[in-house]
PDB file of N, CA and C in Angstrom:
ATOM      1  N   UNK A   1      12.156  -8.255   2.204  1.00  0.00           N
ATOM      2  CA  UNK A   1      10.958  -8.897   2.702  1.00  0.00           C
ATOM      3  C   UNK A   1      11.131 -10.396   2.480  1.00  0.00           C
ATOM      4  N   UNK A   2      10.855 -11.165   3.500  1.00  0.00           N
ATOM      5  CA  UNK A   2      11.004 -12.604   3.398  1.00  0.00           C
ATOM      6  C   UNK A   2       9.813 -13.219   2.676  1.00  0.00           C
ATOM      7  N   UNK A   3       9.986 -14.449   2.241  1.00  0.00           N
ATOM      8  CA  UNK A   3       8.897 -15.182   1.587  1.00  0.00           C
ATOM      9  C   UNK A   3       7.703 -15.292   2.534  1.00  0.00           C
ATOM     10  N   UNK A   4       7.966 -15.523   3.818  1.00  0.00           N
ATOM     11  CA  UNK A   4       6.887 -15.618   4.804  1.00  0.00           C
ATOM     12  C   UNK A   4       6.108 -14.310   4.900  1.00  0.00           C
ATOM     13  N   UNK A   5       6.797 -13.179   4.899  1.00  0.00           N
ATOM     14  CA  UNK A   5       6.123 -11.882   4.946  1.00  0.00           C
ATOM     15  C   UNK A   5       5.317 -11.642   3.671  1.00  0.00           C
ATOM     16  N   UNK A   6       5.886 -12.020   2.534  1.00  0.00           N
ATOM     17  CA  UNK A   6       5.151 -11.888   1.277  1.00  0.00           C
ATOM     18  C   UNK A   6       3.874 -12.705   1.310  1.00  0.00           C
ATOM     19  N   UNK A   7       3.971 -13.926   1.804  1.00  0.00           N
ATOM     20  CA  UNK A   7       2.797 -14.799   1.875  1.00  0.00           C
ATOM     21  C   UNK A   7       1.745 -14.206   2.811  1.00  0.00           C
ATOM     22  N   UNK A   8       2.195 -13.700   3.941  1.00  0.00           N
ATOM     23  CA  UNK A   8       1.277 -13.104   4.918  1.00  0.00           C
ATOM     24  C   UNK A   8       0.552 -11.898   4.330  1.00  0.00           C
ATOM     25  N   UNK A   9       1.252 -11.116   3.518  1.00  0.00           N
ATOM     26  CA  UNK A   9       0.687  -9.886   2.960  1.00  0.00           C
ATOM     27  C   UNK A   9       0.162 -10.053   1.541  1.00  0.00           C
ATOM     28  N   UNK A  10       0.056 -11.274   1.061  1.00  0.00           N
ATOM     29  CA  UNK A  10      -0.309 -11.518  -0.341  1.00  0.00           C
ATOM     30  C   UNK A  10      -1.640 -10.893  -0.733  1.00  0.00           C
ATOM     31  N   UNK A  11      -2.625 -10.933   0.148  1.00  0.00           N
ATOM     32  CA  UNK A  11      -3.935 -10.361  -0.201  1.00  0.00           C
ATOM     33  C   UNK A  11      -3.844  -8.850  -0.389  1.00  0.00           C
ATOM     34  N   UNK A  12      -3.097  -8.183   0.487  1.00  0.00           N
ATOM     35  CA  UNK A  12      -2.942  -6.737   0.336  1.00  0.00           C
ATOM     36  C   UNK A  12      -2.124  -6.403  -0.906  1.00  0.00           C
ATOM     37  N   UNK A  13      -1.097  -7.182  -1.190  1.00  0.00           N
ATOM     38  CA  UNK A  13      -0.286  -6.944  -2.384  1.00  0.00           C
ATOM     39  C   UNK A  13      -1.144  -7.099  -3.629  1.00  0.00           C
ATOM     40  N   UNK A  14      -1.916  -8.166  -3.684  1.00  0.00           N
ATOM     41  CA  UNK A  14      -2.786  -8.393  -4.844  1.00  0.00           C
ATOM     42  C   UNK A  14      -3.853  -7.315  -4.965  1.00  0.00           C
ATOM     43  N   UNK A  15      -4.392  -6.870  -3.827  1.00  0.00           N
ATOM     44  CA  UNK A  15      -5.391  -5.808  -3.862  1.00  0.00           C
ATOM     45  C   UNK A  15      -4.797  -4.513  -4.409  1.00  0.00           C
ATOM     46  N   UNK A  16      -3.584  -4.181  -3.973  1.00  0.00           N
ATOM     47  CA  UNK A  16      -2.928  -2.979  -4.459  1.00  0.00           C
ATOM     48  C   UNK A  16      -2.691  -3.025  -5.956  1.00  0.00           C
ATOM     49  N   UNK A  17      -2.276  -4.181  -6.452  1.00  0.00           N
ATOM     50  CA  UNK A  17      -2.059  -4.351  -7.892  1.00  0.00           C
ATOM     51  C   UNK A  17      -3.385  -4.214  -8.632  1.00  0.00           C
ATOM     52  N   UNK A  18      -4.408  -4.924  -8.146  1.00  0.00           N
ATOM     53  CA  UNK A  18      -5.731  -4.885  -8.792  1.00  0.00           C
ATOM     54  C   UNK A  18      -6.283  -3.465  -8.812  1.00  0.00           C
ATOM     55  N   UNK A  19      -6.180  -2.762  -7.683  1.00  0.00           N
ATOM     56  CA  UNK A  19      -6.725  -1.403  -7.605  1.00  0.00           C
ATOM     57  C   UNK A  19      -5.935  -0.402  -8.438  1.00  0.00           C
ATOM     58  N   UNK A  20      -4.680  -0.715  -8.747  1.00  0.00           N
ATOM     59  CA  UNK A  20      -3.915   0.184  -9.611  1.00  0.00           C
ATOM     60  C   UNK A  20      -4.225  -0.057 -11.087  1.00  0.00           C
ATOM     61  N   UNK A  21      -4.750  -1.236 -11.402  1.00  0.00           N
ATOM     62  CA  UNK A  21      -5.134  -1.550 -12.787  1.00  0.00           C
ATOM     63  C   UNK A  21      -6.593  -1.171 -13.045  1.00  0.00           C
ATOM     64  N   UNK A  22      -7.491  -1.637 -12.166  1.00  0.00           N
ATOM     65  CA  UNK A  22      -8.923  -1.373 -12.296  1.00  0.00           C
ATOM     66  C   UNK A  22      -9.276  -0.247 -11.338  1.00  0.00           C
ATOM     67  N   UNK A  23      -9.140   0.960 -11.799  1.00  0.00           N
ATOM     68  CA  UNK A  23      -9.268   2.136 -10.938  1.00  0.00           C
ATOM     69  C   UNK A  23     -10.733   2.475 -10.654  1.00  0.00           C
ATOM     70  N   UNK A  24     -10.971   2.824  -9.384  1.00  0.00           N
ATOM     71  CA  UNK A  24     -12.271   3.309  -8.922  1.00  0.00           C
ATOM     72  C   UNK A  24     -12.015   4.645  -8.251  1.00  0.00           C
ATOM     73  N   UNK A  25     -12.854   5.620  -8.531  1.00  0.00           N
ATOM     74  CA  UNK A  25     -12.592   6.987  -8.096  1.00  0.00           C
ATOM     75  C   UNK A  25     -12.444   7.113  -6.574  1.00  0.00           C
ATOM     76  N   UNK A  26     -13.242   6.397  -5.790  1.00  0.00           N
ATOM     77  CA  UNK A  26     -13.131   6.523  -4.340  1.00  0.00           C
ATOM     78  C   UNK A  26     -11.775   6.012  -3.843  1.00  0.00           C
ATOM     79  N   UNK A  27     -11.295   4.924  -4.420  1.00  0.00           N
ATOM     80  CA  UNK A  27      -9.992   4.396  -4.033  1.00  0.00           C
ATOM     81  C   UNK A  27      -8.884   5.315  -4.535  1.00  0.00           C
ATOM     82  N   UNK A  28      -9.056   5.869  -5.724  1.00  0.00           N
ATOM     83  CA  UNK A  28      -8.065   6.805  -6.268  1.00  0.00           C
ATOM     84  C   UNK A  28      -7.948   8.050  -5.393  1.00  0.00           C
ATOM     85  N   UNK A  29      -9.059   8.509  -4.844  1.00  0.00           N
ATOM     86  CA  UNK A  29      -9.024   9.670  -3.955  1.00  0.00           C
ATOM     87  C   UNK A  29      -8.205   9.365  -2.707  1.00  0.00           C
ATOM     88  N   UNK A  30      -8.430   8.191  -2.125  1.00  0.00           N
ATOM     89  CA  UNK A  30      -7.653   7.767  -0.956  1.00  0.00           C
ATOM     90  C   UNK A  30      -6.175   7.678  -1.330  1.00  0.00           C
ATOM     91  N   UNK A  31      -5.881   7.070  -2.480  1.00  0.00           N
ATOM     92  CA  UNK A  31      -4.492   6.901  -2.928  1.00  0.00           C
ATOM     93  C   UNK A  31      -3.807   8.250  -3.141  1.00  0.00           C
ATOM     94  N   UNK A  32      -4.516   9.205  -3.734  1.00  0.00           N
ATOM     95  CA  UNK A  32      -3.934  10.534  -3.958  1.00  0.00           C
ATOM     96  C   UNK A  32      -3.609  11.231  -2.638  1.00  0.00           C
ATOM     97  N   UNK A  33      -4.534  11.147  -1.689  1.00  0.00           N
ATOM     98  CA  UNK A  33      -4.311  11.778  -0.385  1.00  0.00           C
ATOM     99  C   UNK A  33      -3.115  11.148   0.323  1.00  0.00           C
ATOM    100  N   UNK A  34      -3.052   9.815   0.289  1.00  0.00           N
ATOM    101  CA  UNK A  34      -1.951   9.120   0.936  1.00  0.00           C
ATOM    102  C   UNK A  34      -0.618   9.432   0.246  1.00  0.00           C
ATOM    103  N   UNK A  35      -0.611   9.410  -1.078  1.00  0.00           N
ATOM    104  CA  UNK A  35       0.629   9.664  -1.813  1.00  0.00           C
ATOM    105  C   UNK A  35       1.137  11.082  -1.555  1.00  0.00           C
ATOM    106  N   UNK A  36       0.217  12.034  -1.437  1.00  0.00           N
ATOM    107  CA  UNK A  36       0.617  13.412  -1.140  1.00  0.00           C
ATOM    108  C   UNK A  36       1.330  13.479   0.211  1.00  0.00           C
ATOM    109  N   UNK A  37       0.853  12.717   1.166  1.00  0.00           N
ATOM    110  CA  UNK A  37       1.501  12.655   2.481  1.00  0.00           C
ATOM    111  C   UNK A  37       2.895  12.049   2.333  1.00  0.00           C
ATOM    112  N   UNK A  38       2.978  10.962   1.585  1.00  0.00           N
ATOM    113  CA  UNK A  38       4.274  10.299   1.392  1.00  0.00           C
ATOM    114  C   UNK A  38       5.264  11.210   0.669  1.00  0.00           C
ATOM    115  N   UNK A  39       4.784  11.919  -0.333  1.00  0.00           N
ATOM    116  CA  UNK A  39       5.665  12.789  -1.122  1.00  0.00           C
ATOM    117  C   UNK A  39       6.256  13.929  -0.304  1.00  0.00           C
ATOM    118  N   UNK A  40       5.569  14.333   0.759  1.00  0.00           N
ATOM    119  CA  UNK A  40       6.124  15.363   1.643  1.00  0.00           C
ATOM    120  C   UNK A  40       7.392  14.856   2.318  1.00  0.00           C
ATOM    121  N   UNK A  41       7.518  13.531   2.452  1.00  0.00           N
ATOM    122  CA  UNK A  41       8.708  12.857   2.964  1.00  0.00           C
ATOM    123  C   UNK A  41       9.084  13.301   4.372  1.00  0.00           C
ATOM    124  N   UNK A  42       8.107  13.619   5.183  1.00  0.00           N
ATOM    125  CA  UNK A  42       8.383  14.024   6.557  1.00  0.00           C
ATOM    126  C   UNK A  42       8.960  12.880   7.380  1.00  0.00           C
ATOM    127  N   UNK A  43       8.615  11.655   7.019  1.00  0.00           N
ATOM    128  CA  UNK A  43       9.077  10.503   7.786  1.00  0.00           C
ATOM    129  C   UNK A  43      10.457  10.023   7.340  1.00  0.00           C
ATOM    130  N   UNK A  44      10.920  10.480   6.168  1.00  0.00           N
ATOM    131  CA  UNK A  44      12.225  10.079   5.675  1.00  0.00           C
ATOM    132  C   UNK A  44      12.245   8.733   4.971  1.00  0.00           C
ATOM    133  N   UNK A  45      11.071   8.153   4.682  1.00  0.00           N
ATOM    134  CA  UNK A  45      11.018   6.832   4.057  1.00  0.00           C
ATOM    135  C   UNK A  45      10.582   6.849   2.599  1.00  0.00           C
ATOM    136  N   UNK A  46      10.314   8.001   2.046  1.00  0.00           N
ATOM    137  CA  UNK A  46       9.912   8.094   0.641  1.00  0.00           C
ATOM    138  C   UNK A  46      11.153   7.857  -0.212  1.00  0.00           C
ATOM    139  N   UNK A  47      11.200   6.746  -0.895  1.00  0.00           N
ATOM    140  CA  UNK A  47      12.396   6.277  -1.601  1.00  0.00           C
ATOM    141  C   UNK A  47      12.175   6.343  -3.109  1.00  0.00           C
ATOM    142  N   UNK A  48      12.791   7.322  -3.755  1.00  0.00           N
ATOM    143  CA  UNK A  48      12.649   7.469  -5.205  1.00  0.00           C
ATOM    144  C   UNK A  48      13.718   6.704  -5.976  1.00  0.00           C
ATOM    145  N   UNK A  49      14.715   6.178  -5.280  1.00  0.00           N
ATOM    146  CA  UNK A  49      15.792   5.441  -5.943  1.00  0.00           C
ATOM    147  C   UNK A  49      15.591   3.927  -5.883  1.00  0.00           C
ATOM    148  N   UNK A  50      14.743   3.467  -4.980  1.00  0.00           N
ATOM    149  CA  UNK A  50      14.491   2.032  -4.844  1.00  0.00           C
ATOM    150  C   UNK A  50      15.503   1.312  -3.983  1.00  0.00           C
ATOM    151  N   UNK A  51      16.266   2.054  -3.201  1.00  0.00           N
ATOM    152  CA  UNK A  51      17.297   1.443  -2.358  1.00  0.00           C
ATOM    153  C   UNK A  51      16.713   0.618  -1.216  1.00  0.00           C
ATOM    154  N   UNK A  52      15.526   0.985  -0.740  1.00  0.00           N
ATOM    155  CA  UNK A  52      14.932   0.280   0.389  1.00  0.00           C
ATOM    156  C   UNK A  52      13.639  -0.428   0.046  1.00  0.00           C
ATOM    157  N   UNK A  53      13.457  -0.749  -1.230  1.00  0.00           N
ATOM    158  CA  UNK A  53      12.263  -1.491  -1.632  1.00  0.00           C
ATOM    159  C   UNK A  53      12.387  -2.942  -1.173  1.00  0.00           C
ATOM    160  N   UNK A  54      11.275  -3.551  -0.819  1.00  0.00           N
ATOM    161  CA  UNK A  54      11.278  -4.906  -0.266  1.00  0.00           C
ATOM    162  C   UNK A  54      11.789  -5.945  -1.249  1.00  0.00           C
ATOM    163  N   UNK A  55      11.458  -5.776  -2.512  1.00  0.00           N
ATOM    164  CA  UNK A  55      11.859  -6.740  -3.525  1.00  0.00           C
ATOM    165  C   UNK A  55      12.730  -6.039  -4.566  1.00  0.00           C
ATOM    166  N   UNK A  56      13.832  -6.659  -4.933  1.00  0.00           N
ATOM    167  CA  UNK A  56      14.670  -6.065  -5.981  1.00  0.00           C
ATOM    168  C   UNK A  56      13.876  -5.905  -7.276  1.00  0.00           C
ATOM    169  N   UNK A  57      14.110  -4.814  -7.951  1.00  0.00           N
ATOM    170  CA  UNK A  57      13.441  -4.578  -9.225  1.00  0.00           C
ATOM    171  C   UNK A  57      12.113  -3.865  -9.123  1.00  0.00           C
ATOM    172  N   UNK A  58      11.636  -3.601  -7.910  1.00  0.00           N
ATOM    173  CA  UNK A  58      10.392  -2.846  -7.752  1.00  0.00           C
ATOM    174  C   UNK A  58      10.634  -1.430  -8.254  1.00  0.00           C
ATOM    175  N   UNK A  59       9.751  -0.966  -9.084  1.00  0.00           N
ATOM    176  CA  UNK A  59       9.860   0.397  -9.604  1.00  0.00           C
ATOM    177  C   UNK A  59       9.505   1.384  -8.494  1.00  0.00           C
ATOM    178  N   UNK A  60      10.419   2.270  -8.102  1.00  0.00           N
ATOM    179  CA  UNK A  60      10.114   3.250  -7.066  1.00  0.00           C
ATOM    180  C   UNK A  60       9.075   4.260  -7.543  1.00  0.00           C
ATOM    181  N   UNK A  61       8.462   5.013  -6.659  1.00  0.00           N
ATOM    182  CA  UNK A  61       8.839   5.147  -5.268  1.00  0.00           C
ATOM    183  C   UNK A  61       8.290   4.010  -4.405  1.00  0.00           C
ATOM    184  N   UNK A  62       9.032   3.734  -3.345  1.00  0.00           N
ATOM    185  CA  UNK A  62       8.577   2.763  -2.370  1.00  0.00           C
ATOM    186  C   UNK A  62       8.786   3.354  -0.976  1.00  0.00           C
ATOM    187  N   UNK A  63       8.320   2.632   0.001  1.00  0.00           N
ATOM    188  CA  UNK A  63       8.432   3.046   1.401  1.00  0.00           C
ATOM    189  C   UNK A  63       9.686   2.366   1.960  1.00  0.00           C
ATOM    190  N   UNK A  64      10.761   3.110   2.083  1.00  0.00           N
ATOM    191  CA  UNK A  64      12.093   2.583   2.372  1.00  0.00           C
ATOM    192  C   UNK A  64      12.146   1.759   3.655  1.00  0.00           C
ATOM    193  N   UNK A  65      12.357   0.458   3.514  1.00  0.00           N
ATOM    194  CA  UNK A  65      12.424  -0.418   4.683  1.00  0.00           C
ATOM    195  C   UNK A  65      13.683  -0.180   5.511  1.00  0.00           C
ATOM    196  N   UNK A  66      14.702   0.429   4.908  1.00  0.00           N
ATOM    197  CA  UNK A  66      15.947   0.712   5.630  1.00  0.00           C
ATOM    198  C   UNK A  66      15.777   1.850   6.628  1.00  0.00           C
ATOM    199  N   UNK A  67      14.709   2.630   6.470  1.00  0.00           N
ATOM    200  CA  UNK A  67      14.443   3.745   7.393  1.00  0.00           C
ATOM    201  C   UNK A  67      13.180   3.506   8.215  1.00  0.00           C
ATOM    202  N   UNK A  68      12.763   2.238   8.320  1.00  0.00           N
ATOM    203  CA  UNK A  68      11.603   1.894   9.135  1.00  0.00           C
ATOM    204  C   UNK A  68      10.298   1.799   8.376  1.00  0.00           C
ATOM    205  N   UNK A  69      10.354   1.918   7.047  1.00  0.00           N
ATOM    206  CA  UNK A  69       9.154   1.769   6.233  1.00  0.00           C
ATOM    207  C   UNK A  69       8.855   0.301   5.972  1.00  0.00           C
ATOM    208  N   UNK A  70       7.836   0.051   5.179  1.00  0.00           N
ATOM    209  CA  UNK A  70       7.410  -1.327   4.914  1.00  0.00           C
ATOM    210  C   UNK A  70       8.087  -1.940   3.691  1.00  0.00           C
ATOM    211  N   UNK A  71       8.707  -1.131   2.847  1.00  0.00           N
ATOM    212  CA  UNK A  71       9.350  -1.635   1.643  1.00  0.00           C
ATOM    213  C   UNK A  71       8.416  -1.788   0.461  1.00  0.00           C
ATOM    214  N   UNK A  72       7.161  -1.402   0.636  1.00  0.00           N
ATOM    215  CA  UNK A  72       6.144  -1.591  -0.404  1.00  0.00           C
ATOM    216  C   UNK A  72       6.252  -0.539  -1.511  1.00  0.00           C
ATOM    217  N   UNK A  73       5.853  -0.924  -2.690  1.00  0.00           N
ATOM    218  CA  UNK A  73       5.699   0.003  -3.811  1.00  0.00           C
ATOM    219  C   UNK A  73       4.523   0.906  -3.461  1.00  0.00           C
ATOM    220  N   UNK A  74       4.745   2.194  -3.404  1.00  0.00           N
ATOM    221  CA  UNK A  74       3.712   3.106  -2.912  1.00  0.00           C
ATOM    222  C   UNK A  74       2.498   3.215  -3.818  1.00  0.00           C
ATOM    223  N   UNK A  75       2.659   3.026  -5.124  1.00  0.00           N
ATOM    224  CA  UNK A  75       1.482   3.099  -5.989  1.00  0.00           C
ATOM    225  C   UNK A  75       0.531   1.940  -5.716  1.00  0.00           C
ATOM    226  N   UNK A  76       1.020   0.854  -5.136  1.00  0.00           N
ATOM    227  CA  UNK A  76       0.156  -0.255  -4.727  1.00  0.00           C
ATOM    228  C   UNK A  76      -0.318  -0.051  -3.285  1.00  0.00           C
ATOM    229  N   UNK A  77       0.612   0.240  -2.388  1.00  0.00           N
ATOM    230  CA  UNK A  77       0.296   0.345  -0.963  1.00  0.00           C
ATOM    231  C   UNK A  77      -0.761   1.400  -0.676  1.00  0.00           C
ATOM    232  N   UNK A  78      -0.700   2.524  -1.375  1.00  0.00           N
ATOM    233  CA  UNK A  78      -1.659   3.601  -1.112  1.00  0.00           C
ATOM    234  C   UNK A  78      -3.070   3.246  -1.577  1.00  0.00           C
ATOM    235  N   UNK A  79      -3.210   2.190  -2.365  1.00  0.00           N
ATOM    236  CA  UNK A  79      -4.521   1.771  -2.875  1.00  0.00           C
ATOM    237  C   UNK A  79      -5.127   0.596  -2.107  1.00  0.00           C
ATOM    238  N   UNK A  80      -4.497   0.194  -1.015  1.00  0.00           N
ATOM    239  CA  UNK A  80      -5.019  -0.891  -0.183  1.00  0.00           C
ATOM    240  C   UNK A  80      -5.765  -0.263   0.985  1.00  0.00           C
ATOM    241  N   UNK A  81      -7.080  -0.426   1.009  1.00  0.00           N
ATOM    242  CA  UNK A  81      -7.906   0.256   2.009  1.00  0.00           C
ATOM    243  C   UNK A  81      -7.623  -0.198   3.437  1.00  0.00           C
ATOM    244  N   UNK A  82      -7.189  -1.447   3.623  1.00  0.00           N
ATOM    245  CA  UNK A  82      -6.926  -1.967   4.964  1.00  0.00           C
ATOM    246  C   UNK A  82      -5.474  -1.756   5.401  1.00  0.00           C
ATOM    247  N   UNK A  83      -4.683  -1.068   4.611  1.00  0.00           N
ATOM    248  CA  UNK A  83      -3.276  -0.826   4.953  1.00  0.00           C
ATOM    249  C   UNK A  83      -3.135   0.520   5.643  1.00  0.00           C
ATOM    250  N   UNK A  84      -2.214   0.556   6.586  1.00  0.00           N
ATOM    251  CA  UNK A  84      -1.881   1.825   7.224  1.00  0.00           C
ATOM    252  C   UNK A  84      -0.390   2.079   7.063  1.00  0.00           C
ATOM    253  N   UNK A  85      -0.018   3.319   7.136  1.00  0.00           N
ATOM    254  CA  UNK A  85       1.388   3.701   7.049  1.00  0.00           C
ATOM    255  C   UNK A  85       2.120   3.088   8.243  1.00  0.00           C
ATOM    256  N   UNK A  86       3.260   2.421   8.009  1.00  0.00           N
ATOM    257  CA  UNK A  86       3.983   1.813   9.129  1.00  0.00           C
ATOM    258  C   UNK A  86       4.502   2.827  10.136  1.00  0.00           C
ATOM    259  N   UNK A  87       4.568   4.078   9.736  1.00  0.00           N
ATOM    260  CA  UNK A  87       5.030   5.132  10.646  1.00  0.00           C
ATOM    261  C   UNK A  87       3.883   6.000  11.156  1.00  0.00           C
ATOM    262  N   UNK A  88       2.639   5.631  10.817  1.00  0.00           N
ATOM    263  CA  UNK A  88       1.466   6.316  11.357  1.00  0.00           C
ATOM    264  C   UNK A  88       1.062   7.594  10.664  1.00  0.00           C
ATOM    265  N   UNK A  89       1.542   7.851   9.456  1.00  0.00           N
ATOM    266  CA  UNK A  89       1.193   9.085   8.754  1.00  0.00           C
ATOM    267  C   UNK A  89      -0.181   9.033   8.102  1.00  0.00           C
ATOM    268  N   UNK A  90      -0.692   7.819   7.802  1.00  0.00           N
ATOM    269  CA  UNK A  90      -2.067   7.669   7.341  1.00  0.00           C
ATOM    270  C   UNK A  90      -2.600   6.334   7.838  1.00  0.00           C
ATOM    271  N   UNK A  91      -3.910   6.299   8.059  1.00  0.00           N
ATOM    272  CA  UNK A  91      -4.559   5.135   8.657  1.00  0.00           C
ATOM    273  C   UNK A  91      -5.274   4.282   7.619  1.00  0.00           C
ATOM    274  N   UNK A  92      -5.573   3.066   8.025  1.00  0.00           N
ATOM    275  CA  UNK A  92      -6.413   2.195   7.213  1.00  0.00           C
ATOM    276  C   UNK A  92      -7.807   2.800   7.152  1.00  0.00           C
ATOM    277  N   UNK A  93      -8.445   2.676   6.001  1.00  0.00           N
ATOM    278  CA  UNK A  93      -9.808   3.180   5.831  1.00  0.00           C
ATOM    279  C   UNK A  93     -10.800   2.209   6.457  1.00  0.00           C
ATOM    280  N   UNK A  94     -10.463   0.926   6.412  1.00  0.00           N
ATOM    281  CA  UNK A  94     -11.290  -0.108   7.027  1.00  0.00           C
ATOM    282  C   UNK A  94     -10.384  -1.257   7.433  1.00  0.00           C
ATOM    283  N   UNK A  95     -10.883  -2.103   8.333  1.00  0.00           N
ATOM    284  CA  UNK A  95     -10.103  -3.262   8.752  1.00  0.00           C
ATOM    285  C   UNK A  95     -10.113  -4.313   7.646  1.00  0.00           C
ATOM    286  N   UNK A  96      -9.221  -5.284   7.738  1.00  0.00           N
ATOM    287  CA  UNK A  96      -9.189  -6.351   6.745  1.00  0.00           C
ATOM    288  C   UNK A  96     -10.504  -7.137   6.764  1.00  0.00           C
ATOM    289  N   UNK A  97     -11.085  -7.327   7.947  1.00  0.00           N
ATOM    290  CA  UNK A  97     -12.358  -8.052   8.052  1.00  0.00           C
ATOM    291  C   UNK A  97     -13.484  -7.271   7.369  1.00  0.00           C
ATOM    292  N   UNK A  98     -13.533  -5.960   7.616  1.00  0.00           N
ATOM    293  CA  UNK A  98     -14.545  -5.119   6.967  1.00  0.00           C
ATOM    294  C   UNK A  98     -14.361  -5.135   5.452  1.00  0.00           C
ATOM    295  N   UNK A  99     -13.123  -5.100   5.032  1.00  0.00           N
ATOM    296  CA  UNK A  99     -12.832  -5.108   3.603  1.00  0.00           C
ATOM    297  C   UNK A  99     -13.262  -6.427   2.961  1.00  0.00           C
ATOM    298  N   UNK A 100     -12.995  -7.545   3.634  1.00  0.00           N
ATOM    299  CA  UNK A 100     -13.422  -8.852   3.124  1.00  0.00           C
ATOM    300  C   UNK A 100     -14.944  -8.928   3.015  1.00  0.00           C
ATOM    301  N   UNK A 101     -15.642  -8.424   4.039  1.00  0.00           N
ATOM    302  CA  UNK A 101     -17.102  -8.416   4.021  1.00  0.00           C
ATOM    303  C   UNK A 101     -17.615  -7.537   2.884  1.00  0.00           C
ATOM    304  N   UNK A 102     -17.031  -6.376   2.717  1.00  0.00           N
ATOM    305  CA  UNK A 102     -17.398  -5.460   1.653  1.00  0.00           C
ATOM    306  C   UNK A 102     -17.225  -6.121   0.287  1.00  0.00           C
ATOM    307  N   UNK A 103     -16.087  -6.773   0.080  1.00  0.00           N
ATOM    308  CA  UNK A 103     -15.831  -7.445  -1.197  1.00  0.00           C
ATOM    309  C   UNK A 103     -16.813  -8.575  -1.444  1.00  0.00           C
ATOM    310  N   UNK A 104     -17.150  -9.333  -0.395  1.00  0.00           N
ATOM    311  CA  UNK A 104     -18.090 -10.448  -0.572  1.00  0.00           C
ATOM    312  C   UNK A 104     -19.492  -9.942  -0.914  1.00  0.00           C
ATOM    313  N   UNK A 105     -19.885  -8.804  -0.339  1.00  0.00           N
ATOM    314  CA  UNK A 105     -21.200  -8.238  -0.653  1.00  0.00           C
ATOM    315  C   UNK A 105     -21.244  -7.731  -2.092  1.00  0.00           C
ATOM    316  N   UNK A 106     -20.157  -7.129  -2.541  1.00  0.00           N
ATOM    317  CA  UNK A 106     -20.105  -6.658  -3.915  1.00  0.00           C
ATOM    318  C   UNK A 106     -20.158  -7.844  -4.882  1.00  0.00           C
ATOM    319  N   UNK A 107     -19.416  -8.885  -4.575  1.00  0.00           N
ATOM    320  CA  UNK A 107     -19.383 -10.073  -5.442  1.00  0.00           C
ATOM    321  C   UNK A 107     -20.742 -10.779  -5.490  1.00  0.00           C
ATOM    322  N   UNK A 108     -21.512 -10.660  -4.402  1.00  0.00           N
ATOM    323  CA  UNK A 108     -22.811 -11.313  -4.328  1.00  0.00           C
ATOM    324  C   UNK A 108     -23.929 -10.579  -5.029  1.00  0.00           C
ATOM    325  N   UNK A 109     -23.677  -9.360  -5.493  1.00  0.00           N
ATOM    326  CA  UNK A 109     -24.726  -8.559  -6.140  1.00  0.00           C
ATOM    327  C   UNK A 109     -25.032  -9.052  -7.513  1.00  0.00           C
TER     328      UNK A 109
END
């Protein structure tokens, strides 16, 4: 993954990290469902060795970029509500705009 791609996806990366640390049951449910799909490995991109992770040193499993995946660490990617599987196996729960609005309303309470 290039620096430009990292910068473009920084909000989703940070959200995935935050949601993996500060767990909320609704997000965990989404993450479990998504991870179960990934673990079936029907798409061939579930990487337990880390060979196709976007950044060196990422702890697998990741979505193997060498087989058409995004290269993301799956424990983070599955917790981003606005992210969808690059191969179409699971969809975004909400758009990035909806997610931003949702976060701003929560912060305003």
